[in-house]
PDB file of N, CA and C in Angstrom:
ATOM      1  N   MET A   1      -2.584  -7.741  32.230  1.00  0.00           N
ATOM      2  CA  MET A   1      -1.445  -6.865  31.864  1.00  0.00           C
ATOM      3  C   MET A   1      -2.125  -5.641  31.290  1.00  0.00           C
ATOM      4  N   ASN A   2      -1.300  -4.529  31.395  1.00  0.00           N
ATOM      5  CA  ASN A   2      -1.872  -3.250  31.056  1.00  0.00           C
ATOM      6  C   ASN A   2      -1.249  -3.025  29.818  1.00  0.00           C
ATOM      7  N   ILE A   3      -1.614  -1.951  29.134  1.00  0.00           N
ATOM      8  CA  ILE A   3      -1.220  -1.505  27.782  1.00  0.00           C
ATOM      9  C   ILE A   3       0.314  -1.517  27.426  1.00  0.00           C
ATOM     10  N   ASP A   4       1.092  -1.275  28.372  1.00  0.00           N
ATOM     11  CA  ASP A   4       2.563  -1.323  28.204  1.00  0.00           C
ATOM     12  C   ASP A   4       3.121  -2.664  28.224  1.00  0.00           C
ATOM     13  N   GLY A   5       2.409  -3.683  28.510  1.00  0.00           N
ATOM     14  CA  GLY A   5       2.903  -5.017  28.614  1.00  0.00           C
ATOM     15  C   GLY A   5       3.385  -5.330  29.902  1.00  0.00           C
ATOM     16  N   LEU A   6       3.243  -4.480  30.864  1.00  0.00           N
ATOM     17  CA  LEU A   6       3.589  -4.723  32.265  1.00  0.00           C
ATOM     18  C   LEU A   6       2.532  -4.988  33.051  1.00  0.00           C
ATOM     19  N   ASP A   7       2.723  -5.739  34.161  1.00  0.00           N
ATOM     20  CA  ASP A   7       1.622  -5.990  35.079  1.00  0.00           C
ATOM     21  C   ASP A   7       2.112  -5.770  36.520  1.00  0.00           C
ATOM     22  N   TYR A   8       1.143  -5.655  37.344  1.00  0.00           N
ATOM     23  CA  TYR A   8       1.554  -5.528  38.878  1.00  0.00           C
ATOM     24  C   TYR A   8       1.859  -6.792  39.527  1.00  0.00           C
ATOM     25  N   ASN A   9       2.742  -6.669  40.505  1.00  0.00           N
ATOM     26  CA  ASN A   9       2.990  -8.042  41.136  1.00  0.00           C
ATOM     27  C   ASN A   9       1.816  -8.633  41.933  1.00  0.00           C
ATOM     28  N   THR A  10       0.974  -7.524  42.290  1.00  0.00           N
ATOM     29  CA  THR A  10      -0.381  -8.048  43.024  1.00  0.00           C
ATOM     30  C   THR A  10      -1.068  -8.847  41.972  1.00  0.00           C
ATOM     31  N   GLN A  11      -1.142  -8.737  40.758  1.00  0.00           N
ATOM     32  CA  GLN A  11      -2.042  -9.495  39.794  1.00  0.00           C
ATOM     33  C   GLN A  11      -1.376 -10.696  39.534  1.00  0.00           C
ATOM     34  N   ARG A  12       0.022 -11.104  39.893  1.00  0.00           N
ATOM     35  CA  ARG A  12       0.523 -12.193  39.479  1.00  0.00           C
ATOM     36  C   ARG A  12       0.485 -13.273  40.410  1.00  0.00           C
ATOM     37  N   GLU A  13       0.713 -14.588  40.167  1.00  0.00           N
ATOM     38  CA  GLU A  13       0.602 -15.550  41.255  1.00  0.00           C
ATOM     39  C   GLU A  13       1.733 -15.386  42.362  1.00  0.00           C
ATOM     40  N   LYS A  14       1.283 -15.751  43.469  1.00  0.00           N
ATOM     41  CA  LYS A  14       2.188 -15.610  44.614  1.00  0.00           C
ATOM     42  C   LYS A  14       3.562 -16.372  44.549  1.00  0.00           C
ATOM     43  N   LEU A  15       4.527 -15.884  44.892  1.00  0.00           N
ATOM     44  CA  LEU A  15       5.842 -16.446  44.893  1.00  0.00           C
ATOM     45  C   LEU A  15       5.989 -17.524  45.912  1.00  0.00           C
ATOM     46  N   LEU A  16       6.446 -18.751  45.519  1.00  0.00           N
ATOM     47  CA  LEU A  16       6.552 -19.781  46.538  1.00  0.00           C
ATOM     48  C   LEU A  16       7.891 -19.594  47.450  1.00  0.00           C
ATOM     49  N   LEU A  17       8.835 -19.110  46.755  1.00  0.00           N
ATOM     50  CA  LEU A  17      10.133 -18.853  47.443  1.00  0.00           C
ATOM     51  C   LEU A  17      10.535 -17.575  47.100  1.00  0.00           C
ATOM     52  N   PRO A  18       9.968 -16.485  47.751  1.00  0.00           N
ATOM     53  CA  PRO A  18      10.329 -15.038  47.398  1.00  0.00           C
ATOM     54  C   PRO A  18      11.844 -14.705  47.390  1.00  0.00           C
ATOM     55  N   GLU A  19      12.756 -15.459  48.210  1.00  0.00           N
ATOM     56  CA  GLU A  19      14.055 -15.122  48.233  1.00  0.00           C
ATOM     57  C   GLU A  19      14.796 -15.338  46.919  1.00  0.00           C
ATOM     58  N   TYR A  20      14.172 -16.234  46.090  1.00  0.00           N
ATOM     59  CA  TYR A  20      14.855 -16.413  44.705  1.00  0.00           C
ATOM     60  C   TYR A  20      14.259 -15.699  43.553  1.00  0.00           C
ATOM     61  N   GLY A  21      13.077 -15.009  43.823  1.00  0.00           N
ATOM     62  CA  GLY A  21      12.531 -14.165  42.847  1.00  0.00           C
ATOM     63  C   GLY A  21      11.745 -14.824  41.818  1.00  0.00           C
ATOM     64  N   ARG A  22      11.069 -13.963  41.069  1.00  0.00           N
ATOM     65  CA  ARG A  22      10.152 -14.360  40.143  1.00  0.00           C
ATOM     66  C   ARG A  22      10.752 -15.019  38.926  1.00  0.00           C
ATOM     67  N   GLU A  23      11.813 -14.675  38.450  1.00  0.00           N
ATOM     68  CA  GLU A  23      12.516 -15.204  37.271  1.00  0.00           C
ATOM     69  C   GLU A  23      12.843 -16.666  37.523  1.00  0.00           C
ATOM     70  N   ILE A  24      13.350 -16.882  38.735  1.00  0.00           N
ATOM     71  CA  ILE A  24      13.700 -18.399  38.969  1.00  0.00           C
ATOM     72  C   ILE A  24      12.413 -19.169  39.027  1.00  0.00           C
ATOM     73  N   GLN A  25      11.349 -18.754  39.662  1.00  0.00           N
ATOM     74  CA  GLN A  25      10.063 -19.424  39.766  1.00  0.00           C
ATOM     75  C   GLN A  25       9.417 -19.624  38.250  1.00  0.00           C
ATOM     76  N   ASP A  26       9.668 -18.611  37.423  1.00  0.00           N
ATOM     77  CA  ASP A  26       9.122 -18.867  36.093  1.00  0.00           C
ATOM     78  C   ASP A  26      10.065 -19.938  35.331  1.00  0.00           C
ATOM     79  N   MET A  27      11.258 -19.937  35.627  1.00  0.00           N
ATOM     80  CA  MET A  27      12.143 -20.801  34.833  1.00  0.00           C
ATOM     81  C   MET A  27      11.838 -22.358  35.353  1.00  0.00           C
ATOM     82  N   VAL A  28      11.680 -22.495  36.764  1.00  0.00           N
ATOM     83  CA  VAL A  28      11.226 -23.858  37.212  1.00  0.00           C
ATOM     84  C   VAL A  28       9.904 -24.206  36.711  1.00  0.00           C
ATOM     85  N   ASN A  29       8.860 -23.368  36.665  1.00  0.00           N
ATOM     86  CA  ASN A  29       7.605 -23.655  36.017  1.00  0.00           C
ATOM     87  C   ASN A  29       7.649 -24.110  34.666  1.00  0.00           C
ATOM     88  N   HIS A  30       8.560 -23.401  33.823  1.00  0.00           N
ATOM     89  CA  HIS A  30       8.812 -23.771  32.462  1.00  0.00           C
ATOM     90  C   HIS A  30       9.400 -25.229  32.341  1.00  0.00           C
ATOM     91  N   CYS A  31      10.481 -25.488  33.288  1.00  0.00           N
ATOM     92  CA  CYS A  31      11.197 -26.753  33.232  1.00  0.00           C
ATOM     93  C   CYS A  31      10.162 -27.920  33.657  1.00  0.00           C
ATOM     94  N   LYS A  32       9.334 -27.566  34.558  1.00  0.00           N
ATOM     95  CA  LYS A  32       8.249 -28.461  34.808  1.00  0.00           C
ATOM     96  C   LYS A  32       7.312 -28.861  33.847  1.00  0.00           C
ATOM     97  N   ALA A  33       7.136 -27.872  32.999  1.00  0.00           N
ATOM     98  CA  ALA A  33       6.011 -28.057  31.891  1.00  0.00           C
ATOM     99  C   ALA A  33       6.660 -28.913  30.664  1.00  0.00           C
ATOM    100  N   LEU A  34       8.004 -29.014  30.655  1.00  0.00           N
ATOM    101  CA  LEU A  34       8.587 -29.877  29.534  1.00  0.00           C
ATOM    102  C   LEU A  34       8.287 -31.347  29.702  1.00  0.00           C
ATOM    103  N   THR A  35       7.803 -31.777  28.513  1.00  0.00           N
ATOM    104  CA  THR A  35       7.487 -33.249  28.546  1.00  0.00           C
ATOM    105  C   THR A  35       8.595 -34.157  28.105  1.00  0.00           C
ATOM    106  N   ASP A  36       9.461 -33.704  27.380  1.00  0.00           N
ATOM    107  CA  ASP A  36      10.558 -34.461  26.794  1.00  0.00           C
ATOM    108  C   ASP A  36      11.664 -34.585  27.876  1.00  0.00           C
ATOM    109  N   LYS A  37      11.927 -35.797  28.290  1.00  0.00           N
ATOM    110  CA  LYS A  37      13.009 -36.021  29.478  1.00  0.00           C
ATOM    111  C   LYS A  37      14.316 -35.345  29.046  1.00  0.00           C
ATOM    112  N   ASP A  38      14.831 -35.710  27.801  1.00  0.00           N
ATOM    113  CA  ASP A  38      16.148 -35.234  27.351  1.00  0.00           C
ATOM    114  C   ASP A  38      16.226 -33.550  27.265  1.00  0.00           C
ATOM    115  N   GLU A  39      15.204 -33.044  26.832  1.00  0.00           N
ATOM    116  CA  GLU A  39      15.018 -31.551  26.924  1.00  0.00           C
ATOM    117  C   GLU A  39      15.132 -31.013  28.422  1.00  0.00           C
ATOM    118  N   ARG A  40      14.471 -31.688  29.275  1.00  0.00           N
ATOM    119  CA  ARG A  40      14.293 -31.216  30.526  1.00  0.00           C
ATOM    120  C   ARG A  40      15.633 -31.459  31.359  1.00  0.00           C
ATOM    121  N   GLN A  41      16.495 -32.367  30.779  1.00  0.00           N
ATOM    122  CA  GLN A  41      17.836 -32.689  31.547  1.00  0.00           C
ATOM    123  C   GLN A  41      19.028 -31.681  31.041  1.00  0.00           C
ATOM    124  N   GLN A  42      18.637 -30.830  30.031  1.00  0.00           N
ATOM    125  CA  GLN A  42      19.667 -30.076  29.493  1.00  0.00           C
ATOM    126  C   GLN A  42      19.995 -28.869  30.480  1.00  0.00           C
TER     127      GLN A  42
END
């Protein structure tokens, strides 16, 4: 990240499904990281 809190897309991990965008990929990664099944199902 640079000083403004922004980073370049070339510095980020590659998108698996670019048609859905980075926000969806970040949301899926967050959901996959949840360990509590009830929280994951919300």
